[in-house]
Protein backbone atom coordinates (compact mmCIF):
# COMPACT_ATOMS: atom_id res chain seq x y z
CA MET A 1 17.83 -17.13 -55.92
CA GLY A 2 20.45 -15.23 -53.94
CA GLY A 3 18.07 -14.93 -50.96
CA GLN A 4 17.16 -18.60 -51.11
CA PHE A 5 20.81 -19.59 -51.31
CA CYS A 6 21.62 -17.45 -48.28
CA ALA A 7 18.76 -18.97 -46.30
CA ALA A 8 19.71 -22.47 -47.34
CA ASN A 9 23.38 -22.08 -46.52
CA ILE A 10 23.14 -19.80 -43.45
CA SER A 11 25.86 -20.74 -40.97
CA ALA A 12 25.50 -21.39 -37.26
CA ARG A 13 27.62 -18.29 -36.54
CA ALA A 14 25.29 -16.12 -38.66
CA CYS A 15 22.25 -17.51 -36.81
CA ALA A 16 23.84 -16.73 -33.46
CA PHE A 17 24.67 -13.18 -34.61
CA TRP A 18 21.10 -12.59 -35.83
CA ILE A 19 19.55 -13.82 -32.59
CA SER A 20 22.04 -11.79 -30.54
CA ALA A 21 21.17 -8.66 -32.50
CA SER A 22 17.47 -9.27 -31.88
CA ARG A 23 18.11 -9.19 -28.13
CA THR A 24 19.54 -5.71 -28.28
CA THR A 25 16.99 -4.30 -30.70
CA PRO A 26 13.83 -6.35 -30.08
CA ARG A 27 11.36 -3.99 -31.70
CA CYS A 28 13.24 -3.58 -34.97
CA ALA A 29 14.15 -7.26 -35.19
CA ASN A 30 10.62 -8.31 -34.31
CA SER A 31 9.06 -6.19 -37.05
CA THR A 32 11.66 -7.36 -39.60
CA VAL A 33 11.20 -11.02 -38.81
CA LYS A 34 7.42 -10.79 -38.81
CA HIS A 35 7.45 -9.02 -42.19
CA PHE A 36 9.83 -11.60 -43.64
CA ALA A 37 7.75 -14.45 -42.21
CA ARG A 38 4.52 -13.10 -43.75
CA THR A 39 6.05 -12.62 -47.21
CA HIS A 40 8.28 -15.70 -47.47
CA LEU A 41 7.13 -18.50 -45.19
CA LYS A 42 4.21 -19.31 -47.45
CA ALA A 43 6.79 -20.78 -49.83
CA THR A 44 7.61 -23.39 -47.21
CA SER A 45 4.11 -24.86 -47.29
CA ARG A 46 5.15 -27.43 -49.86
CA PRO A 47 5.44 -31.21 -49.85
CA THR A 48 7.86 -32.59 -47.31
CA LEU A 49 11.34 -33.74 -48.23
CA ALA A 50 10.34 -37.41 -48.32
CA SER A 51 7.49 -36.88 -50.79
CA SER A 52 9.19 -34.35 -53.04
CA PRO A 53 10.66 -35.18 -56.42
CA PRO A 54 14.46 -35.68 -56.36
CA HIS A 55 15.24 -32.45 -58.18
CA THR A 56 13.26 -30.35 -55.60
CA ARG A 57 14.49 -31.92 -52.42
CA HIS A 58 17.41 -29.50 -51.94
CA LEU A 59 15.08 -26.48 -52.29
CA SER A 60 12.52 -27.91 -49.85
CA GLY A 61 15.27 -28.67 -47.36
CA ALA A 62 16.44 -25.06 -47.62
CA ASN A 63 12.91 -23.82 -46.96
CA MET A 64 12.60 -26.09 -43.95
CA LEU A 65 15.89 -24.80 -42.56
CA ARG A 66 14.78 -21.21 -43.17
CA ARG A 67 11.52 -21.85 -41.32
CA ARG A 68 13.40 -23.24 -38.34
CA VAL A 69 15.78 -20.26 -38.25
CA HIS A 70 12.99 -17.70 -38.43
CA SER A 71 10.85 -19.54 -35.91
CA SER A 72 13.79 -19.50 -33.52
CA VAL A 73 14.34 -15.77 -34.01
CA VAL A 74 10.64 -14.96 -33.50
CA ALA A 75 10.58 -17.09 -30.34
CA LYS A 76 13.68 -15.38 -28.97
CA VAL A 77 12.35 -11.88 -29.66
CA THR A 78 8.89 -12.64 -28.26
CA GLN A 79 10.43 -14.13 -25.12
CA LYS A 80 12.66 -11.07 -24.67
CA GLU A 81 9.78 -8.62 -25.09
CA SER A 82 7.65 -10.65 -22.67
CA LYS A 83 10.38 -10.45 -20.04
CA ILE A 84 10.75 -6.70 -20.54
CA SER A 85 6.99 -6.15 -20.26
CA SER A 86 6.72 -8.38 -17.20
CA LYS A 87 9.59 -6.63 -15.50
CA GLY A 88 8.20 -3.18 -16.21
CA GLU A 89 4.55 -3.78 -15.31
CA ASP A 90 4.00 -6.76 -13.04
CA GLN A 91 7.24 -6.87 -11.12
CA PRO A 92 8.43 -3.36 -10.15
CA SER A 93 12.14 -3.24 -9.55
CA PRO A 94 13.42 -2.87 -5.97
CA ASP A 95 15.01 0.45 -6.94
CA ASN A 96 11.63 1.83 -8.05
CA ASN A 97 9.94 0.62 -4.85
CA SER A 98 12.64 2.28 -2.77
CA TYR A 99 12.18 5.51 -4.70
CA VAL A 100 8.40 5.47 -4.08
CA VAL A 101 8.91 4.85 -0.36
CA ALA A 102 11.42 7.70 -0.21
CA SER A 103 8.98 9.98 -2.11
CA VAL A 104 6.17 9.17 0.34
CA ALA A 105 8.44 9.85 3.31
CA ALA A 106 9.59 13.16 1.79
CA ALA A 107 6.01 14.28 1.13
CA MET A 108 4.91 13.41 4.67
CA ALA A 109 7.92 15.07 6.30
CA THR A 110 7.69 18.27 4.25
CA GLY A 111 3.88 18.32 4.67
CA VAL A 112 4.05 18.25 8.47
CA ALA A 113 6.96 20.70 8.57
CA ASN A 114 5.11 23.01 6.17
CA ARG A 115 2.06 23.23 8.43
CA VAL A 116 4.10 23.75 11.57
CA LEU A 117 6.27 26.44 9.94
CA TYR A 118 3.09 28.08 8.60
CA LYS A 119 2.10 28.85 12.19
CA MET A 120 5.66 29.70 13.25
CA ALA A 121 6.13 32.24 10.42
CA LEU A 122 3.03 34.08 11.61
CA VAL A 123 4.60 34.76 15.01
CA PRO A 124 6.78 37.61 13.70
CA MET A 125 4.69 38.39 10.61
CA GLY A 126 1.16 38.04 12.00
CA ASN A 127 0.54 41.80 11.80
CA TYR A 128 2.12 42.10 8.35
CA VAL A 129 0.59 39.20 6.42
CA PHE A 130 0.66 41.23 3.19
CA VAL A 131 4.48 41.15 3.13
CA LEU A 132 4.56 37.44 3.96
CA SER A 133 1.92 36.72 1.31
CA GLN A 134 3.80 38.58 -1.41
CA PHE A 135 7.09 36.97 -0.44
CA GLN A 136 5.47 33.54 -0.78
CA THR A 137 3.78 34.41 -4.07
CA PHE A 138 6.97 35.72 -5.67
CA GLY A 139 8.76 32.58 -4.51
CA TYR A 140 6.18 30.58 -6.43
CA LEU A 141 6.62 32.81 -9.47
CA LEU A 142 10.37 32.23 -9.61
CA VAL A 143 10.12 28.46 -9.15
CA TYR A 144 7.11 27.77 -11.37
CA PHE A 145 8.16 29.98 -14.25
CA GLY A 146 11.69 28.58 -14.01
CA ILE A 147 10.35 25.03 -14.32
CA LEU A 148 7.99 26.12 -17.10
CA ALA A 149 10.87 27.68 -19.05
CA ALA A 150 12.92 24.50 -18.69
CA ARG A 151 10.03 22.32 -19.85
CA TYR A 152 9.37 24.66 -22.78
CA LYS A 153 13.01 24.47 -23.81
CA SER A 154 12.96 20.67 -23.63
CA GLY A 155 9.81 20.51 -25.75
CA GLU A 156 7.54 19.06 -23.03
CA VAL A 157 5.55 22.31 -23.10
CA THR A 158 4.66 23.63 -26.54
CA GLN A 159 3.60 27.06 -27.73
CA LYS A 160 0.19 25.63 -28.41
CA MET A 161 -0.09 24.71 -24.73
CA LEU A 162 0.79 28.25 -23.70
CA ASP A 163 -1.84 29.67 -26.04
CA ALA A 164 -4.59 27.16 -25.19
CA PRO A 165 -5.92 28.48 -21.82
CA ASP A 166 -8.27 31.43 -21.69
CA LYS A 167 -6.09 33.94 -19.86
CA ARG A 168 -9.11 35.76 -18.48
CA LEU A 169 -9.87 32.77 -16.25
CA PHE A 170 -6.55 33.24 -14.49
CA ILE A 171 -7.79 36.59 -13.20
CA GLY A 172 -10.48 34.75 -11.27
CA ILE A 173 -8.01 32.16 -10.01
CA GLY A 174 -5.56 34.85 -8.88
CA GLY A 175 -8.22 36.81 -7.02
CA LEU A 176 -9.63 33.76 -5.26
CA GLU A 177 -6.26 32.36 -4.21
CA ALA A 178 -5.08 35.79 -3.05
CA ALA A 179 -8.19 36.17 -0.87
CA SER A 180 -7.70 32.65 0.52
CA GLN A 181 -4.05 33.30 1.29
CA LEU A 182 -4.63 36.59 3.09
CA LEU A 183 -7.68 35.43 5.07
CA GLY A 184 -5.89 32.21 6.00
CA PHE A 185 -2.92 34.15 7.36
CA VAL A 186 -5.17 36.53 9.31
CA GLY A 187 -7.20 33.73 10.87
CA ALA A 188 -4.30 31.36 11.60
CA SER A 189 -2.26 34.07 13.31
CA LYS A 190 -4.87 34.23 16.11
CA LEU A 191 -5.66 30.53 16.49
CA PRO A 192 -3.88 27.70 18.36
CA GLY A 193 -1.73 25.75 15.91
CA VAL A 194 -3.24 22.38 16.84
CA THR A 195 -6.69 23.52 15.65
CA LEU A 196 -5.56 24.45 12.14
CA PRO A 197 -5.30 20.90 10.68
CA LEU A 198 -8.89 20.19 11.74
CA LEU A 199 -10.37 23.47 10.51
CA SER A 200 -8.59 23.23 7.16
CA GLN A 201 -10.56 20.05 6.36
CA SER A 202 -13.65 22.22 5.89
CA ILE A 203 -12.45 22.59 2.30
CA ILE A 204 -13.90 19.12 1.65
CA LEU A 205 -17.41 20.38 2.41
CA PHE A 206 -16.96 23.33 0.06
CA GLN A 207 -15.58 21.13 -2.70
CA ILE A 208 -18.51 18.71 -2.51
CA ALA A 209 -21.09 21.50 -2.48
CA LEU A 210 -19.50 23.32 -5.42
CA SER A 211 -18.98 20.14 -7.45
CA TYR A 212 -22.67 19.32 -7.09
CA LEU A 213 -24.06 22.84 -7.52
CA VAL A 214 -21.70 24.24 -10.17
CA LEU A 215 -20.29 21.25 -12.03
CA LYS A 216 -23.43 19.09 -11.59
CA LYS A 217 -21.23 16.15 -10.70
CA SER A 218 -22.78 13.03 -9.27
CA LEU A 219 -21.05 12.16 -6.00
CA GLU A 220 -20.14 8.74 -4.72
CA ARG A 221 -22.04 7.58 -1.64
CA GLU A 222 -18.75 7.16 0.24
CA GLN A 223 -17.79 10.78 -0.51
CA ILE A 224 -21.02 12.14 0.96
CA ILE A 225 -20.76 9.92 4.04
CA GLY A 226 -17.08 10.78 4.45
CA ALA A 227 -17.75 14.53 4.29
CA LEU A 228 -20.47 14.21 6.95
CA ILE A 229 -18.10 12.23 9.18
CA VAL A 230 -15.41 14.90 8.72
CA ALA A 231 -17.90 17.60 9.76
CA ALA A 232 -18.97 15.51 12.75
CA GLY A 233 -15.33 15.07 13.79
CA VAL A 234 -14.64 18.81 13.68
CA CYS A 235 -17.84 19.54 15.64
CA LEU A 236 -16.99 16.91 18.25
CA ALA A 237 -13.49 18.31 18.71
CA ALA A 238 -14.78 21.89 18.96
CA ALA A 239 -17.83 21.25 21.16
CA PRO A 240 -17.72 22.46 24.79
CA SER A 241 -16.86 19.75 27.28
CA ASP A 242 -18.02 19.34 30.87
CA ALA A 243 -14.78 17.57 31.70
CA GLY A 244 -12.76 20.75 31.33
CA ALA A 245 -11.85 23.60 29.03
CA ASN A 246 -11.81 22.72 25.34
CA ILE A 247 -8.93 24.02 23.26
CA PHE A 248 -11.37 25.65 20.85
CA GLN A 249 -12.80 27.66 23.74
CA GLN A 250 -9.50 29.52 23.84
CA ALA A 251 -9.96 30.66 20.24
CA ASP A 252 -11.91 33.71 19.08
CA PRO A 253 -14.95 32.56 17.05
CA LEU A 254 -14.37 35.47 14.65
CA TYR A 255 -10.96 34.16 13.62
CA ILE A 256 -12.29 30.62 13.40
CA GLY A 257 -14.87 31.94 10.93
CA ILE A 258 -12.21 33.86 8.98
CA PHE A 259 -9.97 30.81 8.68
CA VAL A 260 -12.81 28.46 7.68
CA SER A 261 -14.10 30.96 5.10
CA SER A 262 -10.60 31.11 3.58
CA MET A 263 -11.11 27.45 2.53
CA LEU A 264 -14.01 28.43 0.26
CA PHE A 265 -11.83 30.35 -2.19
CA PRO A 266 -9.38 27.57 -3.18
CA ALA A 267 -12.41 25.31 -3.66
CA LEU A 268 -13.82 27.86 -6.11
CA ALA A 269 -10.42 28.23 -7.78
CA SER A 270 -10.26 24.46 -8.31
CA ILE A 271 -13.56 24.67 -10.23
CA ILE A 272 -12.05 27.25 -12.60
CA LYS A 273 -8.86 25.19 -12.98
CA GLU A 274 -10.93 22.16 -13.90
CA LYS A 275 -12.63 24.24 -16.56
CA ILE A 276 -9.25 25.40 -17.92
CA PHE A 277 -7.95 21.84 -18.16
CA ALA A 278 -11.12 20.61 -19.87
CA GLU A 279 -11.21 23.40 -22.46
CA ALA A 280 -7.47 23.14 -23.16
CA LYS A 281 -7.75 19.40 -23.71
CA GLU A 282 -10.25 20.00 -26.50
CA LYS A 283 -7.99 22.58 -28.13
CA LEU A 284 -4.98 20.28 -27.84
CA ASP A 285 -6.78 17.38 -29.56
CA GLY A 286 -7.09 15.33 -26.39
CA LYS A 287 -3.61 16.00 -25.03
CA PRO A 288 -3.63 17.19 -21.38
CA LEU A 289 -2.41 20.67 -20.53
CA ASP A 290 0.86 20.75 -18.60
CA ILE A 291 0.19 21.56 -14.94
CA PHE A 292 3.02 24.09 -14.75
CA VAL A 293 1.27 26.27 -17.33
CA VAL A 294 -1.68 26.67 -14.95
CA ASN A 295 0.49 26.99 -11.82
CA SER A 296 2.75 29.63 -13.37
CA PHE A 297 0.05 31.91 -14.79
CA GLY A 298 -2.08 31.35 -11.69
CA SER A 299 0.76 32.49 -9.43
CA GLY A 300 1.26 35.61 -11.54
CA ALA A 301 -2.42 36.49 -11.24
CA GLN A 302 -2.28 35.77 -7.51
CA ALA A 303 0.54 38.28 -7.01
CA VAL A 304 -1.58 40.95 -8.69
CA GLY A 305 -4.60 39.89 -6.63
CA VAL A 306 -2.75 40.24 -3.33
CA LEU A 307 -1.61 43.73 -4.33
CA LEU A 308 -5.16 44.78 -5.24
CA LEU A 309 -6.51 43.43 -1.93
CA LEU A 310 -4.05 45.44 0.13
CA PRO A 311 -6.52 48.34 0.75
CA VAL A 312 -9.11 45.81 1.95
CA LEU A 313 -6.58 44.23 4.29
CA THR A 314 -5.55 47.54 5.79
CA SER A 315 -9.20 48.56 6.30
CA LEU A 316 -9.80 45.31 8.20
CA ARG A 317 -6.95 46.32 10.48
CA GLY A 318 -8.55 49.72 11.01
CA LEU A 319 -6.01 51.63 8.95
CA SER A 320 -6.77 54.39 6.47
CA LEU A 321 -5.38 54.56 2.94
CA SER A 322 -3.04 57.35 4.00
CA GLU A 323 -1.45 54.96 6.49
CA LEU A 324 -0.90 52.30 3.82
CA PRO A 325 2.72 53.27 2.93
CA GLN A 326 3.65 53.27 6.61
CA TYR A 327 2.11 49.80 7.04
CA VAL A 328 4.07 48.37 4.10
CA GLY A 329 7.30 49.97 5.33
CA ASP A 330 6.82 48.57 8.83
CA GLY A 331 6.11 45.14 7.34
CA LEU A 332 9.32 45.17 5.31
CA SER A 333 11.27 46.27 8.39
CA CYS A 334 9.70 43.46 10.43
CA PHE A 335 10.55 40.93 7.72
CA GLN A 336 14.20 41.92 8.16
CA GLY A 337 13.91 41.24 11.89
CA HIS A 338 13.59 44.86 13.04
CA THR A 339 10.50 45.51 15.13
CA PRO A 340 8.92 48.88 14.22
CA GLY A 341 9.14 51.17 17.27
CA GLY A 342 11.50 48.78 19.06
CA GLY A 343 10.64 45.68 21.08
CA THR A 344 10.85 42.01 20.20
CA GLY A 345 7.66 41.47 18.18
CA CYS A 346 9.55 40.53 15.01
CA ASP A 347 11.98 38.07 16.56
CA GLY A 348 12.42 35.05 14.30
CA ALA A 349 12.34 37.03 11.06
CA PRO A 350 13.56 36.64 8.41
CA LEU A 351 14.51 33.03 9.28
CA LEU A 352 11.00 31.73 9.98
CA PRO A 353 9.30 33.28 6.91
CA VAL A 354 12.11 32.04 4.64
CA LEU A 355 11.95 28.55 6.14
CA TYR A 356 8.17 28.45 5.72
CA VAL A 357 8.18 29.56 2.08
CA SER A 358 11.05 27.19 1.26
CA MET A 359 9.28 24.26 2.94
CA ASN A 360 5.99 25.15 1.26
CA LEU A 361 7.67 25.01 -2.14
CA ALA A 362 9.43 21.74 -1.23
CA TYR A 363 6.12 20.23 -0.12
CA ASN A 364 4.32 21.13 -3.34
CA ILE A 365 7.18 19.85 -5.48
CA SER A 366 7.30 16.60 -3.47
CA LEU A 367 3.57 16.12 -4.07
CA LEU A 368 4.03 16.57 -7.81
CA ASN A 369 6.95 14.13 -7.75
CA LEU A 370 4.86 11.62 -5.78
CA LEU A 371 1.99 11.98 -8.22
CA ARG A 372 4.29 11.16 -11.15
CA SER A 373 6.19 8.32 -9.48
CA ALA A 374 3.38 6.56 -7.58
CA GLY A 375 0.06 7.92 -8.84
CA ALA A 376 -2.90 9.87 -7.45
CA VAL A 377 -3.99 7.16 -4.99
CA VAL A 378 -0.69 7.06 -3.11
CA GLN A 379 -0.60 10.86 -3.11
CA SER A 380 -4.10 10.97 -1.62
CA LEU A 381 -3.18 8.40 1.07
CA THR A 382 -0.10 10.43 1.96
CA ASN A 383 -2.05 13.68 2.19
CA SER A 384 -4.64 12.13 4.49
CA SER A 385 -1.96 10.85 6.85
CA ILE A 386 -0.47 14.33 7.23
CA THR A 387 -3.45 15.65 9.22
CA PRO A 388 -3.10 13.39 12.32
CA LEU A 389 0.70 13.67 12.17
CA THR A 390 0.45 17.47 12.22
CA ILE A 391 -1.92 17.41 15.21
CA PHE A 392 0.57 15.16 16.98
CA ALA A 393 3.46 17.47 16.07
CA PHE A 394 1.76 20.50 17.65
CA THR A 395 1.58 18.68 21.00
CA PHE A 396 5.36 19.05 21.38
CA SER A 397 7.14 22.12 22.69
CA ILE A 398 8.03 24.14 19.58
CA PRO A 399 10.25 27.25 19.60
CA TYR A 400 8.38 30.58 19.18
CA LEU A 401 5.02 28.85 19.81
CA GLN A 402 3.15 28.60 23.08
CA ASP A 403 3.05 25.15 24.60
CA SER A 404 -0.05 23.28 23.50
CA PRO A 405 -2.52 22.80 26.36
CA ASP A 406 -3.91 19.39 27.26
CA LEU A 407 -6.02 18.34 24.28
CA GLY A 408 -8.47 16.29 26.26
CA ALA A 409 -10.24 13.06 25.34
CA GLN A 410 -12.97 14.84 23.39
CA PHE A 411 -10.54 16.63 21.08
CA ILE A 412 -8.62 13.40 20.45
CA ALA A 413 -11.89 11.54 19.76
CA GLY A 414 -12.98 14.28 17.34
CA SER A 415 -9.63 14.07 15.54
CA ALA A 416 -10.00 10.29 15.22
CA VAL A 417 -13.50 10.70 13.77
CA LEU A 418 -12.16 13.26 11.29
CA VAL A 419 -9.42 10.88 10.11
CA ALA A 420 -12.05 8.15 9.67
CA GLY A 421 -14.08 10.61 7.59
CA LEU A 422 -11.06 11.38 5.38
CA ALA A 423 -10.52 7.66 4.80
CA THR A 424 -14.19 7.17 3.90
CA TYR A 425 -14.21 10.20 1.60
CA ASN A 426 -11.22 8.88 -0.35
CA LEU A 427 -12.44 5.27 -0.38
CA PRO A 428 -13.74 5.35 -4.00
CA LYS A 429 -10.25 6.34 -5.14
CA TRP A 430 -8.42 3.92 -2.85
CA LYS A 431 -10.65 0.83 -3.21
CA PRO A 432 -9.54 -0.35 -6.69
CA TRP A 433 -5.89 0.23 -5.88
CA LEU A 434 -6.06 -1.56 -2.51
CA THR A 435 -8.02 -4.45 -4.01
CA GLU A 436 -5.42 -4.90 -6.73
CA LYS A 437 -2.49 -4.74 -4.30
CA PHE A 438 -3.88 -7.18 -1.72
CA SER A 439 -5.32 -9.62 -4.22
CA LYS A 440 -1.83 -10.50 -5.50
């Protein structure tokens, strides 16, 4: 009776308060109203006021008033939730759009700067790539483990996540990425900077071959065609030309082979990472493994891998094991800007190596930020645009680097074909997103 009396005699001010409260707490109010409607509104399905006996008319009128009040509240809450959903999903706020545009610009700028500084850092450190490699790896260790510790403290990374991966797999990842890093430095130090963006796209061919042979993945037709176009673009840019000297003719084929082979190892490492993520997802009951768990432990294994490969690196340079301590000491001296034995061979250090490692970290963090704010498709589009922008950047006069020779029409045509191949290769990922955006 008390509840019926309250519903029958509810004031206009009380109704306004209730509806106002539902605007601030739509979920709670919505669930409360729906529960009350299910349990009490059945009582209102009675004869209307006109057909009711005189002694029941007041009660029926109260029920009718209660129905109107609750219907109004439900309508208000539903309308509010619809507006919130529409605003969050169908109509992105201008602030969010501006943030995505800024994230894309940051990723493109740091991506181009990272590749240019990669070549610049090798000017003083080209003969001491071990020291540069370890400096970069320890930079990753500090940043990644720092982020991992913060995420663990906040609860985003759990102890179960840390225990889920098979730690033995990180040994393979560390060895492969260490080999890729060292071989990449050795090859790039002897090649013209403008050729590096083209040669680095050979990783696509390795990824496709390994995905098919190892993972038994079925490939999209566009991916196969795109990879063939990429290969054709590189071959066209590198082929001898009757019109004049080709820029690739100035490069030693041995170092071209070393740099291209360095792309095989990260492709293999990505296969192992995919296995880690898949196995961890099963152990975590379908919850994905945090990426910083893999990056942190992978960087630790990479640091050990680089150290173990030091004897191999010195043997490639024609040094004996007894000369190894002298080589490391000279490398550390060069990193500080002091050329061993005098001269100017280490000019630019330590500024250039520090700038490169800092920009490399900024680039990777900007890619992760872009992935979270805009998604994998926008990240892929941004990555693909970095290649032609980097080629263009190397055509300018850059301190510490030799001026780029005339690229020639054939090199430019080959670069254009390569970009077309990248677009075709990524088309299966881009097509649904582009269709959705342009159909609105």
